[in-house]
Amino acid sequence: MNTVNFVTIPSSIVPDQEILVFGARRLTYADLNDQIARLCAVFKQFGLAHGDVVALLDTNSDLYIECYYAAAKAGLIFLPLNYRAKDAELEYMINTAQAKALLVGDRYLELINKIQSRLSASRIVAIGDAAHGLPRLADLIARTAPDESEAEVEDEDISILMYTSGTTSLPKGVQLRFRDFTAYVTANVEMADGTDRGVSLVCVPFYHIAGTTAYMTNIWTGRKLIVMPQFDARAWLDLVRRERVTHAFVVPTMMKQIIDEPSFANSDLSSLTNLAYGGAAMPVQVIRRAIEVFPKKVGFVNAYGQTETTSSLTVLGPDDHRIGGTPEQIELKLKRLNSVGLPLPDVEIRVRDEDGNFLPVGQVGEIIIRTPRIMKGYAGRDDTARLPDGWRATGDLGWLDSGGYVFFAGRKDDMIIRGGENIAPAEIETVLMSHPAVDECAVIGVPSVEWGQTVKAFVVVRKGKTVTEQELAEFCRSRLASFKRPERIEFIDTMPKNPLGKVLRKDLRAPTGGV
């Protein structure tokens, strides 16, 4: 199935339904379909042929979505670029993908101008108003008739080439097929039929798999999509009120900023019914606070997944976030609030040891998964995580409880080995985060001649609070085994993170901040 059908099919059923809102621009399915057809014609005028790569560098917009679907309609591969990437990273991604066309937003024109002579893209087009001598996409669309044809694509054809965040090394190009998106979207939501499916607010970047699958699922199911160019807590709260938003997705850092926003207490959140979060580990203190301060009818959903698996693998649903019942039930729910939930219907999850043996309930090992929507592969690289019988190693450590709930213990590469003992940073971070003066923390291993590695913690102190290294060390003493206690605690002003809120441990390990 060509993913442009996520638009064309609903457009044939409910053409006048408003489906996409960006600022003052409000599009029905018919409007969206027409824009996609015109963009498809423009791409063909560029000389782009089936399987060619078209890249886009900009923040979120309605045009961003239109460009993806126009690429799909023409049988092209779409490359959404990380707008926070540095010059060298952008050059690497564009050239390794062999992109033939590049669409650039206003704020990135100067950056691209510096590296333009070194890029594979022979056609560069401005998608805003500040053209810098480049052709403007709006002008090209205005004088182009819509192309109503649709490329025939195979299920195995690549639809999106999405580069990972590169928190530990150069980003890897994840090849996601048309069938991967079709399997994910059509299995998780019903097709639009005119039924009121609510209003969804999307603020995560479209270059990330969470943003991509958000616009795909919402447009397919007929849930009006409100697009934020970039996240801002006050603007988010205002949009929820003004657009009567029912569904939203945020990453943990966004959730914290929303509930810390001074205007939160006076914000109208009465329309909100579903608030999903994911992209990085959610501190249990933050989600417990969110449960307390958001309206009681809001259903929280935690989603865990990877780019390589076309988004979500597990879900911790609304019922799991409602803390109540007998003392035993409350204790279990509080424990499972630390989990990432249960596997989706098309996902199998096991935990294995270093020898590849499956581990029983409660034992920590590497999480491995099996699902029909695993990526085709990495562009120009071997997929060393692929295992026999369709399994894939995630690189994440965790365990399963007796009910099949998946608990995350950190990245395999982040495991600290002190004197032969394996230490998961997540366990220590959970203890530190339970201290009332700790706002954020991260734990790494640092080289030690005597022990191989020792434990070091980085701590951001909560505003208005004070705490000393000695006080935190004493706090950990009664809560952690002796070999797990941090031997150094360093206080820092801000935690280095990628745009989705994942801590950049490589920055903490750097000589200026790590040892």
Protein backbone atom coordinates (compact mmCIF):
# COMPACT_ATOMS: atom_id res chain seq x y z
CA MET A 1 0.00 0.00 0.00
CA ASN A 2 1.32 3.44 -0.92
CA THR A 3 1.16 5.59 2.22
CA VAL A 4 -0.30 8.50 0.25
CA ASN A 5 -3.52 6.49 0.59
CA PHE A 6 -3.55 7.60 4.25
CA VAL A 7 -4.76 10.89 2.70
CA THR A 8 -6.40 9.95 -0.59
CA ILE A 9 -8.78 7.34 0.83
CA PRO A 10 -10.19 9.54 3.64
CA SER A 11 -10.29 12.43 1.16
CA SER A 12 -12.62 10.41 -1.06
CA ILE A 13 -14.92 9.71 1.90
CA VAL A 14 -14.97 13.00 3.85
CA PRO A 15 -13.35 15.61 1.54
CA ASP A 16 -14.74 18.62 3.45
CA GLN A 17 -13.60 17.50 6.89
CA GLU A 18 -11.00 19.84 8.41
CA ILE A 19 -7.94 17.69 9.13
CA LEU A 20 -4.80 19.83 9.40
CA VAL A 21 -4.13 23.11 11.21
CA PHE A 22 -0.90 25.09 11.30
CA GLY A 23 -1.15 28.63 12.62
CA ALA A 24 -3.70 30.46 10.48
CA ARG A 25 -3.72 27.75 7.80
CA ARG A 26 -6.59 25.27 8.09
CA LEU A 27 -6.88 22.46 5.54
CA THR A 28 -9.64 20.00 4.74
CA TYR A 29 -8.83 16.57 3.32
CA ALA A 30 -9.59 17.96 -0.15
CA ASP A 31 -7.20 20.90 0.40
CA LEU A 32 -4.49 18.59 1.65
CA ASN A 33 -4.96 16.17 -1.23
CA ASP A 34 -4.75 19.01 -3.77
CA GLN A 35 -1.55 20.39 -2.25
CA ILE A 36 0.03 16.93 -2.28
CA ALA A 37 -0.86 16.47 -5.96
CA ARG A 38 0.69 19.83 -6.87
CA LEU A 39 3.86 19.08 -4.92
CA CYS A 40 4.08 15.68 -6.58
CA ALA A 41 4.04 17.44 -9.97
CA VAL A 42 6.79 19.82 -8.79
CA PHE A 43 8.98 16.91 -7.68
CA LYS A 44 8.57 15.30 -11.08
CA GLN A 45 9.51 18.61 -12.75
CA PHE A 46 12.75 18.45 -10.76
CA GLY A 47 13.53 15.30 -12.72
CA LEU A 48 13.19 13.05 -9.69
CA ALA A 49 12.44 9.43 -10.55
CA HIS A 50 11.17 6.41 -8.61
CA GLY A 51 13.49 5.67 -5.66
CA ASP A 52 15.29 9.04 -5.70
CA VAL A 53 15.77 10.81 -2.38
CA VAL A 54 14.25 14.20 -1.52
CA ALA A 55 15.43 15.76 1.77
CA LEU A 56 13.76 18.40 3.93
CA LEU A 57 15.35 20.64 6.58
CA ASP A 58 12.90 22.70 8.61
CA THR A 59 10.76 22.75 11.74
CA ASN A 60 7.27 21.20 11.77
CA SER A 61 4.59 22.61 9.47
CA ASP A 62 1.65 21.57 7.30
CA LEU A 63 3.96 21.84 4.29
CA TYR A 64 6.32 19.31 5.87
CA ILE A 65 3.52 16.75 5.92
CA GLU A 66 2.50 17.60 2.37
CA CYS A 67 6.09 17.09 1.17
CA TYR A 68 6.24 13.60 2.67
CA TYR A 69 3.00 12.48 1.05
CA ALA A 70 3.95 14.09 -2.27
CA ALA A 71 7.21 12.12 -2.19
CA ALA A 72 5.26 8.93 -1.50
CA LYS A 73 2.80 9.72 -4.29
CA ALA A 74 5.74 10.08 -6.71
CA GLY A 75 7.45 6.91 -5.45
CA LEU A 76 10.35 8.86 -3.92
CA ILE A 77 12.26 8.29 -0.70
CA PHE A 78 11.75 11.04 1.89
CA LEU A 79 14.66 12.14 4.11
CA PRO A 80 13.56 14.27 7.11
CA LEU A 81 16.64 16.04 8.47
CA ASN A 82 17.36 16.87 12.09
CA TYR A 83 17.25 20.68 12.20
CA ARG A 84 19.48 20.66 15.30
CA ALA A 85 22.27 18.80 13.50
CA LYS A 86 25.61 20.49 12.91
CA ASP A 87 27.02 21.32 9.48
CA ALA A 88 29.15 18.17 9.27
CA GLU A 89 26.27 15.94 10.37
CA LEU A 90 23.90 17.41 7.79
CA GLU A 91 26.50 17.04 5.07
CA TYR A 92 27.03 13.42 6.14
CA MET A 93 23.31 12.58 6.11
CA ILE A 94 22.51 14.29 2.81
CA ASN A 95 25.49 12.79 0.99
CA THR A 96 25.31 9.26 2.37
CA ALA A 97 21.62 9.24 1.41
CA GLN A 98 22.59 10.56 -2.06
CA ALA A 99 19.75 13.07 -1.89
CA LYS A 100 19.02 14.66 -5.26
CA ALA A 101 16.76 17.46 -4.00
CA LEU A 102 16.82 19.48 -0.78
CA LEU A 103 13.99 21.63 0.58
CA VAL A 104 15.15 24.23 3.12
CA GLY A 105 13.31 26.41 5.62
CA ASP A 106 14.21 30.07 6.07
CA ARG A 107 16.25 29.77 9.25
CA TYR A 108 18.53 27.11 7.71
CA LEU A 109 19.27 28.79 4.37
CA GLU A 110 22.48 30.42 5.60
CA LEU A 111 23.72 27.13 7.04
CA ILE A 112 23.03 25.25 3.80
CA ASN A 113 24.64 28.03 1.78
CA LYS A 114 27.93 27.34 3.60
CA ILE A 115 27.99 23.65 2.67
CA GLN A 116 26.03 23.73 -0.60
CA SER A 117 29.10 23.12 -2.81
CA ARG A 118 29.80 19.86 -0.95
CA LEU A 119 26.28 18.42 -1.14
CA SER A 120 24.97 15.68 -3.42
CA ALA A 121 21.68 17.56 -3.92
CA SER A 122 21.69 19.26 -7.31
CA ARG A 123 18.32 20.92 -6.70
CA ILE A 124 17.92 23.13 -3.60
CA VAL A 125 14.64 24.96 -3.02
CA ALA A 126 13.55 27.45 -0.35
CA ILE A 127 10.28 26.50 1.33
CA GLY A 128 9.81 29.85 3.09
CA ASP A 129 9.98 33.49 2.04
CA ALA A 130 13.70 34.29 2.38
CA ALA A 131 14.84 32.65 -0.83
CA HIS A 132 18.58 33.62 -0.77
CA GLY A 133 18.61 33.41 -4.55
CA LEU A 134 16.95 29.99 -4.55
CA PRO A 135 13.64 29.16 -6.22
CA ARG A 136 10.68 29.35 -3.83
CA LEU A 137 8.57 26.23 -3.46
CA ALA A 138 5.37 28.29 -3.08
CA ASP A 139 5.96 29.90 -6.50
CA LEU A 140 6.53 26.51 -8.11
CA ILE A 141 3.35 25.10 -6.56
CA ALA A 142 1.28 28.12 -7.63
CA ARG A 143 2.04 27.64 -11.32
CA THR A 144 1.81 23.84 -11.36
CA ALA A 145 -1.29 21.77 -12.10
CA PRO A 146 -1.99 18.87 -9.74
CA ASP A 147 -0.71 15.43 -10.72
CA GLU A 148 -3.46 12.95 -9.90
CA SER A 149 -1.40 9.86 -10.72
CA GLU A 150 0.02 7.62 -8.00
CA ALA A 151 3.26 5.69 -8.26
CA GLU A 152 3.00 1.95 -7.97
CA VAL A 153 5.22 0.92 -5.09
CA GLU A 154 6.20 -2.45 -3.71
CA ASP A 155 5.77 -3.20 -0.02
CA GLU A 156 9.55 -3.55 0.26
CA ASP A 157 10.26 -0.14 -1.32
CA ILE A 158 11.74 2.41 1.08
CA SER A 159 9.40 5.25 1.98
CA ILE A 160 11.45 7.13 4.57
CA LEU A 161 15.17 7.20 5.30
CA MET A 162 15.36 8.39 8.90
CA TYR A 163 18.66 9.03 10.60
CA THR A 164 18.93 8.13 14.27
CA SER A 165 19.82 10.82 16.79
CA GLY A 166 23.47 9.77 16.96
CA THR A 167 23.80 10.11 20.75
CA THR A 168 26.85 7.84 20.75
CA SER A 169 28.24 7.99 17.20
CA LEU A 170 27.48 9.18 13.68
CA PRO A 171 23.77 8.80 12.90
CA LYS A 172 22.61 5.69 11.08
CA GLY A 173 20.15 5.83 8.20
CA VAL A 174 17.15 3.64 9.05
CA GLN A 175 15.37 2.36 5.95
CA LEU A 176 11.63 2.20 6.62
CA ARG A 177 9.42 0.62 3.98
CA PHE A 178 5.91 1.37 2.82
CA ARG A 179 4.76 -1.87 4.42
CA ASP A 180 6.29 -0.92 7.79
CA PHE A 181 4.14 2.21 8.01
CA THR A 182 1.08 0.45 6.61
CA ALA A 183 1.41 -2.30 9.23
CA TYR A 184 1.80 0.19 12.06
CA VAL A 185 -0.90 2.68 11.09
CA THR A 186 -3.70 0.40 9.88
CA ALA A 187 -3.24 -1.99 12.82
CA ASN A 188 -3.48 0.71 15.48
CA VAL A 189 -6.28 3.06 14.37
CA GLU A 190 -9.51 2.86 12.36
CA MET A 191 -9.84 4.62 9.02
CA ALA A 192 -11.62 7.98 8.91
CA ASP A 193 -15.35 7.69 8.21
CA GLY A 194 -16.72 11.02 9.38
CA THR A 195 -16.99 9.90 13.00
CA ASP A 196 -15.66 12.46 15.49
CA ARG A 197 -12.21 11.18 16.48
CA GLY A 198 -11.15 14.30 18.37
CA VAL A 199 -8.27 16.75 17.97
CA SER A 200 -4.58 15.87 18.27
CA LEU A 201 -1.74 18.26 19.13
CA VAL A 202 1.69 17.28 17.77
CA CYS A 203 4.79 19.05 19.05
CA VAL A 204 7.55 16.43 18.64
CA PRO A 205 9.82 16.92 15.60
CA PHE A 206 8.71 15.32 12.34
CA TYR A 207 12.28 14.13 11.73
CA HIS A 208 11.74 11.73 14.65
CA ILE A 209 9.75 8.50 14.28
CA ALA A 210 7.29 9.63 16.98
CA GLY A 211 6.43 12.75 14.99
CA THR A 212 6.17 10.89 11.70
CA THR A 213 3.84 8.18 12.96
CA ALA A 214 1.79 10.84 14.77
CA TYR A 215 0.81 12.62 11.57
CA MET A 216 0.29 9.35 9.74
CA THR A 217 -2.04 7.80 12.33
CA ASN A 218 -4.05 10.98 12.99
CA ILE A 219 -4.65 11.79 9.33
CA TRP A 220 -5.61 8.19 8.54
CA THR A 221 -8.10 7.99 11.39
CA GLY A 222 -9.64 11.44 10.86
CA ARG A 223 -8.42 13.11 14.06
CA LYS A 224 -7.80 16.80 13.35
CA LEU A 225 -4.08 17.48 13.58
CA ILE A 226 -2.80 20.67 15.21
CA VAL A 227 0.88 21.17 14.37
CA MET A 228 3.33 23.14 16.51
CA PRO A 229 6.54 24.26 14.75
CA GLN A 230 8.50 23.66 17.96
CA PHE A 231 7.50 22.96 21.54
CA ASP A 232 6.79 25.75 23.99
CA ALA A 233 4.92 24.94 27.21
CA ARG A 234 2.81 28.13 27.35
CA ALA A 235 1.91 27.87 23.65
CA TRP A 236 1.05 24.17 24.14
CA LEU A 237 -1.38 25.00 26.93
CA ASP A 238 -2.94 27.79 24.86
CA LEU A 239 -3.44 25.50 21.86
CA VAL A 240 -5.09 22.83 24.02
CA ARG A 241 -7.58 25.45 25.17
CA ARG A 242 -8.14 27.22 21.85
CA GLU A 243 -8.39 24.13 19.61
CA ARG A 244 -10.16 21.93 22.18
CA VAL A 245 -7.40 19.33 21.95
CA THR A 246 -8.34 15.81 23.06
CA HIS A 247 -5.12 13.90 22.30
CA ALA A 248 -1.44 14.84 22.62
CA PHE A 249 2.00 13.27 22.76
CA VAL A 250 4.97 14.70 24.67
CA VAL A 251 8.41 13.57 25.73
CA PRO A 252 9.30 13.56 29.46
CA THR A 253 11.10 16.91 29.40
CA MET A 254 8.04 18.48 27.77
CA MET A 255 5.74 16.98 30.40
CA LYS A 256 7.86 18.48 33.15
CA GLN A 257 7.94 21.90 31.48
CA ILE A 258 4.15 21.84 31.05
CA ILE A 259 3.39 21.14 34.71
CA ASP A 260 6.10 23.61 35.82
CA GLU A 261 4.71 26.37 33.58
CA PRO A 262 3.34 29.16 35.84
CA SER A 263 0.15 29.42 33.77
CA PHE A 264 -0.61 25.69 34.13
CA ALA A 265 -2.85 26.07 37.18
CA ASN A 266 -5.16 28.48 35.34
CA SER A 267 -5.17 26.66 32.00
CA ASP A 268 -8.34 25.17 30.54
CA LEU A 269 -7.54 21.50 29.95
CA SER A 270 -11.14 20.30 30.07
CA SER A 271 -11.07 18.95 26.49
CA LEU A 272 -8.02 16.72 27.04
CA THR A 273 -8.76 13.00 27.32
CA ASN A 274 -5.54 11.26 26.25
CA LEU A 275 -1.94 12.30 27.00
CA ALA A 276 0.76 9.97 25.69
CA TYR A 277 4.44 10.21 26.50
CA GLY A 278 7.63 8.46 25.44
CA GLY A 279 10.87 8.97 23.52
CA ALA A 280 12.95 8.74 26.70
CA ALA A 281 12.66 7.34 30.21
CA MET A 282 10.03 9.13 32.29
CA PRO A 283 11.05 9.80 35.91
CA VAL A 284 8.33 8.23 38.05
CA GLN A 285 8.16 11.38 40.18
CA VAL A 286 7.22 13.45 37.12
CA ILE A 287 4.46 11.14 35.91
CA ARG A 288 3.03 10.77 39.42
CA ARG A 289 2.90 14.55 39.70
CA ALA A 290 1.28 14.80 36.26
CA ILE A 291 -1.39 12.28 37.28
CA GLU A 292 -2.14 14.45 40.32
CA VAL A 293 -2.34 17.84 38.57
CA PHE A 294 -4.00 17.06 35.23
CA PRO A 295 -7.81 16.65 35.14
CA LYS A 296 -8.86 13.23 36.43
CA LYS A 297 -10.43 12.23 33.10
CA VAL A 298 -7.07 12.43 31.29
CA GLY A 299 -5.85 8.97 30.35
CA PHE A 300 -2.05 8.68 30.35
CA VAL A 301 -0.24 6.35 27.94
CA ASN A 302 3.47 5.47 28.00
CA ALA A 303 4.92 4.21 24.72
CA TYR A 304 8.34 2.59 24.20
CA GLY A 305 9.77 1.92 20.76
CA GLN A 306 12.62 2.49 18.33
CA THR A 307 13.09 4.05 14.92
CA GLU A 308 14.17 0.62 13.68
CA THR A 309 10.78 -0.85 14.63
CA THR A 310 8.61 1.90 13.13
CA SER A 311 7.77 3.40 16.52
CA SER A 312 6.00 1.80 19.48
CA LEU A 313 6.65 -1.69 20.76
CA THR A 314 4.97 -1.54 24.17
CA VAL A 315 2.24 0.53 25.79
CA LEU A 316 1.40 1.28 29.42
CA GLY A 317 -2.26 2.19 29.16
CA PRO A 318 -4.61 4.56 31.00
CA ASP A 319 -5.81 1.90 33.46
CA ASP A 320 -2.21 1.29 34.53
CA HIS A 321 -1.92 4.98 35.43
CA ARG A 322 -5.02 5.02 37.65
CA ILE A 323 -3.66 4.34 41.12
CA GLY A 324 -6.34 2.83 43.32
CA GLY A 325 -7.83 -0.35 44.75
CA THR A 326 -6.63 -2.54 47.60
CA PRO A 327 -3.21 -1.90 49.20
CA GLU A 328 -1.82 -4.80 47.17
CA GLN A 329 -3.27 -3.43 43.91
CA ILE A 330 -1.90 0.04 44.66
CA GLU A 331 1.54 -1.37 45.37
CA LEU A 332 1.53 -3.31 42.09
CA LYS A 333 0.34 -0.30 40.07
CA LEU A 334 3.01 1.92 41.58
CA LYS A 335 5.61 -0.67 40.71
CA ARG A 336 4.34 -1.00 37.14
CA LEU A 337 4.29 2.77 36.75
CA ASN A 338 8.07 2.34 36.41
CA SER A 339 7.54 0.00 33.43
CA VAL A 340 6.95 0.68 29.74
CA GLY A 341 3.91 -1.56 29.69
CA LEU A 342 2.86 -4.57 27.65
CA PRO A 343 3.86 -5.50 24.06
CA LEU A 344 1.52 -4.43 21.29
CA PRO A 345 -0.39 -7.28 19.57
CA ASP A 346 2.11 -7.56 16.70
CA VAL A 347 5.17 -7.58 18.98
CA GLU A 348 6.96 -10.39 20.85
CA ILE A 349 9.44 -9.50 23.60
CA ARG A 350 11.96 -11.67 25.42
CA VAL A 351 15.01 -11.02 27.59
CA ARG A 352 18.30 -12.81 26.96
CA ASP A 353 21.67 -13.15 28.66
CA GLU A 354 25.08 -12.58 27.03
CA ASP A 355 25.11 -16.19 25.76
CA GLY A 356 21.77 -15.73 23.98
CA ASN A 357 19.71 -17.74 26.48
CA PHE A 358 16.19 -16.55 27.30
CA LEU A 359 15.93 -15.36 30.90
CA PRO A 360 13.05 -16.01 33.30
CA VAL A 361 10.79 -13.41 34.89
CA GLY A 362 12.61 -10.82 36.98
CA GLN A 363 16.11 -11.30 35.61
CA VAL A 364 17.84 -8.40 33.86
CA GLY A 365 19.21 -8.94 30.37
CA GLU A 366 19.03 -7.51 26.88
CA ILE A 367 15.54 -6.91 25.53
CA ILE A 368 15.00 -8.57 22.14
CA ILE A 369 11.94 -8.14 19.96
CA ARG A 370 10.18 -9.73 17.01
CA THR A 371 7.65 -7.82 14.89
CA PRO A 372 6.74 -7.66 11.18
CA ARG A 373 7.65 -3.94 11.03
CA ILE A 374 11.38 -4.11 11.66
CA MET A 375 13.26 -1.82 9.27
CA LYS A 376 14.69 -3.06 5.99
CA GLY A 377 18.19 -2.22 7.20
CA TYR A 378 20.69 0.59 7.60
CA ALA A 379 21.76 2.60 4.57
CA GLY A 380 25.28 1.49 3.66
CA ARG A 381 25.79 -0.47 6.89
CA ASP A 382 25.29 -3.97 8.21
CA ASP A 383 22.56 -4.51 10.77
CA THR A 384 24.54 -6.26 13.50
CA ALA A 385 21.48 -6.34 15.79
CA ARG A 386 19.58 -8.76 13.55
CA LEU A 387 19.25 -12.20 15.15
CA PRO A 388 18.09 -15.64 13.90
CA ASP A 389 14.38 -16.48 13.59
CA GLY A 390 13.33 -12.87 13.04
CA TRP A 391 14.48 -11.57 16.42
CA ARG A 392 16.28 -8.26 16.85
CA ALA A 393 18.49 -7.06 19.69
CA THR A 394 17.39 -3.63 20.93
CA GLY A 395 20.54 -2.73 22.86
CA ASP A 396 18.25 -1.96 25.82
CA LEU A 397 18.52 -3.75 29.15
CA GLY A 398 15.45 -4.72 31.11
CA TRP A 399 13.31 -7.45 32.58
CA LEU A 400 9.75 -8.82 32.48
CA ASP A 401 7.47 -9.26 35.45
CA SER A 402 4.99 -12.10 35.93
CA GLY A 403 2.30 -10.19 34.03
CA GLY A 404 4.49 -9.62 30.98
CA TYR A 405 5.15 -5.93 31.77
CA VAL A 406 8.45 -4.69 30.40
CA PHE A 407 10.81 -2.79 32.68
CA PHE A 408 13.62 -0.72 31.22
CA ALA A 409 17.05 -0.74 32.95
CA GLY A 410 19.05 1.46 30.57
CA ARG A 411 21.17 0.99 27.48
CA LYS A 412 23.48 -2.01 27.25
CA ASP A 413 26.35 0.31 26.37
CA ASP A 414 25.69 2.31 29.55
CA MET A 415 26.11 -0.67 31.88
CA ILE A 416 28.75 0.00 34.53
CA ILE A 417 31.06 -2.88 35.46
CA ARG A 418 32.71 -2.26 38.83
CA GLY A 419 35.00 -4.99 40.11
CA GLY A 420 33.14 -7.55 38.00
CA GLU A 421 29.71 -6.45 39.25
CA ASN A 422 27.18 -5.21 36.66
CA ILE A 423 25.43 -1.99 37.66
CA ALA A 424 22.46 -0.52 35.75
CA PRO A 425 22.52 3.30 35.93
CA ALA A 426 18.71 3.40 35.96
CA GLU A 427 18.56 1.77 39.40
CA ILE A 428 20.79 4.43 40.95
CA GLU A 429 19.03 7.23 39.08
CA THR A 430 15.67 6.08 40.45
CA VAL A 431 16.99 6.34 44.00
CA LEU A 432 18.53 9.77 43.46
CA MET A 433 15.36 11.07 41.78
CA SER A 434 13.37 10.14 44.89
CA HIS A 435 15.28 12.79 46.89
CA PRO A 436 13.13 15.93 47.16
CA ALA A 437 16.02 18.24 46.20
CA VAL A 438 16.95 16.39 42.98
CA ASP A 439 15.37 17.70 39.79
CA GLU A 440 17.32 15.57 37.30
CA CYS A 441 20.22 13.14 37.43
CA ALA A 442 22.30 10.80 35.30
CA VAL A 443 24.80 8.12 36.25
CA ILE A 444 27.86 6.97 34.30
CA GLY A 445 30.88 4.77 34.86
CA VAL A 446 34.30 6.41 34.98
CA PRO A 447 37.64 4.63 34.54
CA SER A 448 39.30 3.27 37.67
CA VAL A 449 42.66 1.51 37.98
CA GLU A 450 41.49 -0.43 41.02
CA TRP A 451 37.91 -1.31 40.05
CA GLY A 452 37.81 -0.98 36.27
CA GLN A 453 34.96 1.52 36.63
CA THR A 454 33.42 3.46 39.47
CA VAL A 455 30.01 5.12 39.72
CA LYS A 456 29.63 8.85 39.16
CA ALA A 457 26.37 10.78 39.35
CA PHE A 458 25.52 14.13 37.80
CA VAL A 459 22.74 16.00 39.59
CA VAL A 460 20.63 19.05 38.75
CA VAL A 461 19.19 20.51 41.96
CA ARG A 462 15.52 21.48 42.07
CA LYS A 463 14.89 25.22 41.98
CA GLY A 464 14.63 26.64 45.49
CA LYS A 465 16.24 23.56 47.11
CA THR A 466 19.74 22.88 48.41
CA VAL A 467 21.60 19.63 49.00
CA THR A 468 25.24 18.63 49.47
CA GLU A 469 27.22 15.75 48.03
CA GLN A 470 27.52 14.28 51.54
CA GLU A 471 23.75 14.43 52.08
CA LEU A 472 23.04 12.61 48.81
CA ALA A 473 25.72 10.03 49.57
CA GLU A 474 24.08 9.35 52.92
CA PHE A 475 20.66 9.18 51.23
CA CYS A 476 21.99 6.46 48.89
CA ARG A 477 23.70 4.55 51.71
CA SER A 478 20.50 3.05 53.10
CA ARG A 479 18.93 2.45 49.69
CA LEU A 480 21.66 0.91 47.54
CA ALA A 481 24.17 -1.89 47.87
CA SER A 482 27.63 -0.57 48.71
CA PHE A 483 29.09 -1.28 45.25
CA LYS A 484 26.24 0.63 43.57
CA ARG A 485 26.57 3.87 45.52
CA PRO A 486 27.96 6.86 43.60
CA GLU A 487 31.57 7.48 44.59
CA ARG A 488 31.41 10.96 43.08
CA ILE A 489 28.48 13.32 42.76
CA GLU A 490 28.84 16.41 40.58
CA PHE A 491 26.27 19.19 40.53
CA ILE A 492 25.53 20.73 37.13
CA ASP A 493 23.15 23.48 35.99
CA THR A 494 21.52 21.62 33.08
CA MET A 495 21.49 18.03 31.84
CA PRO A 496 22.73 17.58 28.23
CA LYS A 497 19.96 16.01 26.17
CA ASN A 498 18.92 15.39 22.60
CA PRO A 499 15.67 17.01 21.35
CA LEU A 500 13.59 14.04 22.51
CA GLY A 501 14.88 14.30 26.07
CA LYS A 502 17.39 11.44 26.07
CA VAL A 503 20.43 12.21 28.20
CA LEU A 504 23.62 12.58 26.16
CA ARG A 505 25.91 10.46 28.30
CA LYS A 506 28.72 10.90 25.79
CA ASP A 507 28.75 14.60 26.75
CA LEU A 508 28.90 13.69 30.43
CA ARG A 509 31.79 11.33 29.72
CA ALA A 510 33.73 14.02 27.85
CA PRO A 511 36.86 15.31 29.64
CA THR A 512 35.20 18.67 30.37
CA GLY A 513 32.23 17.11 32.15
CA GLY A 514 32.74 13.47 32.86
CA VAL A 515 35.77 12.35 34.82
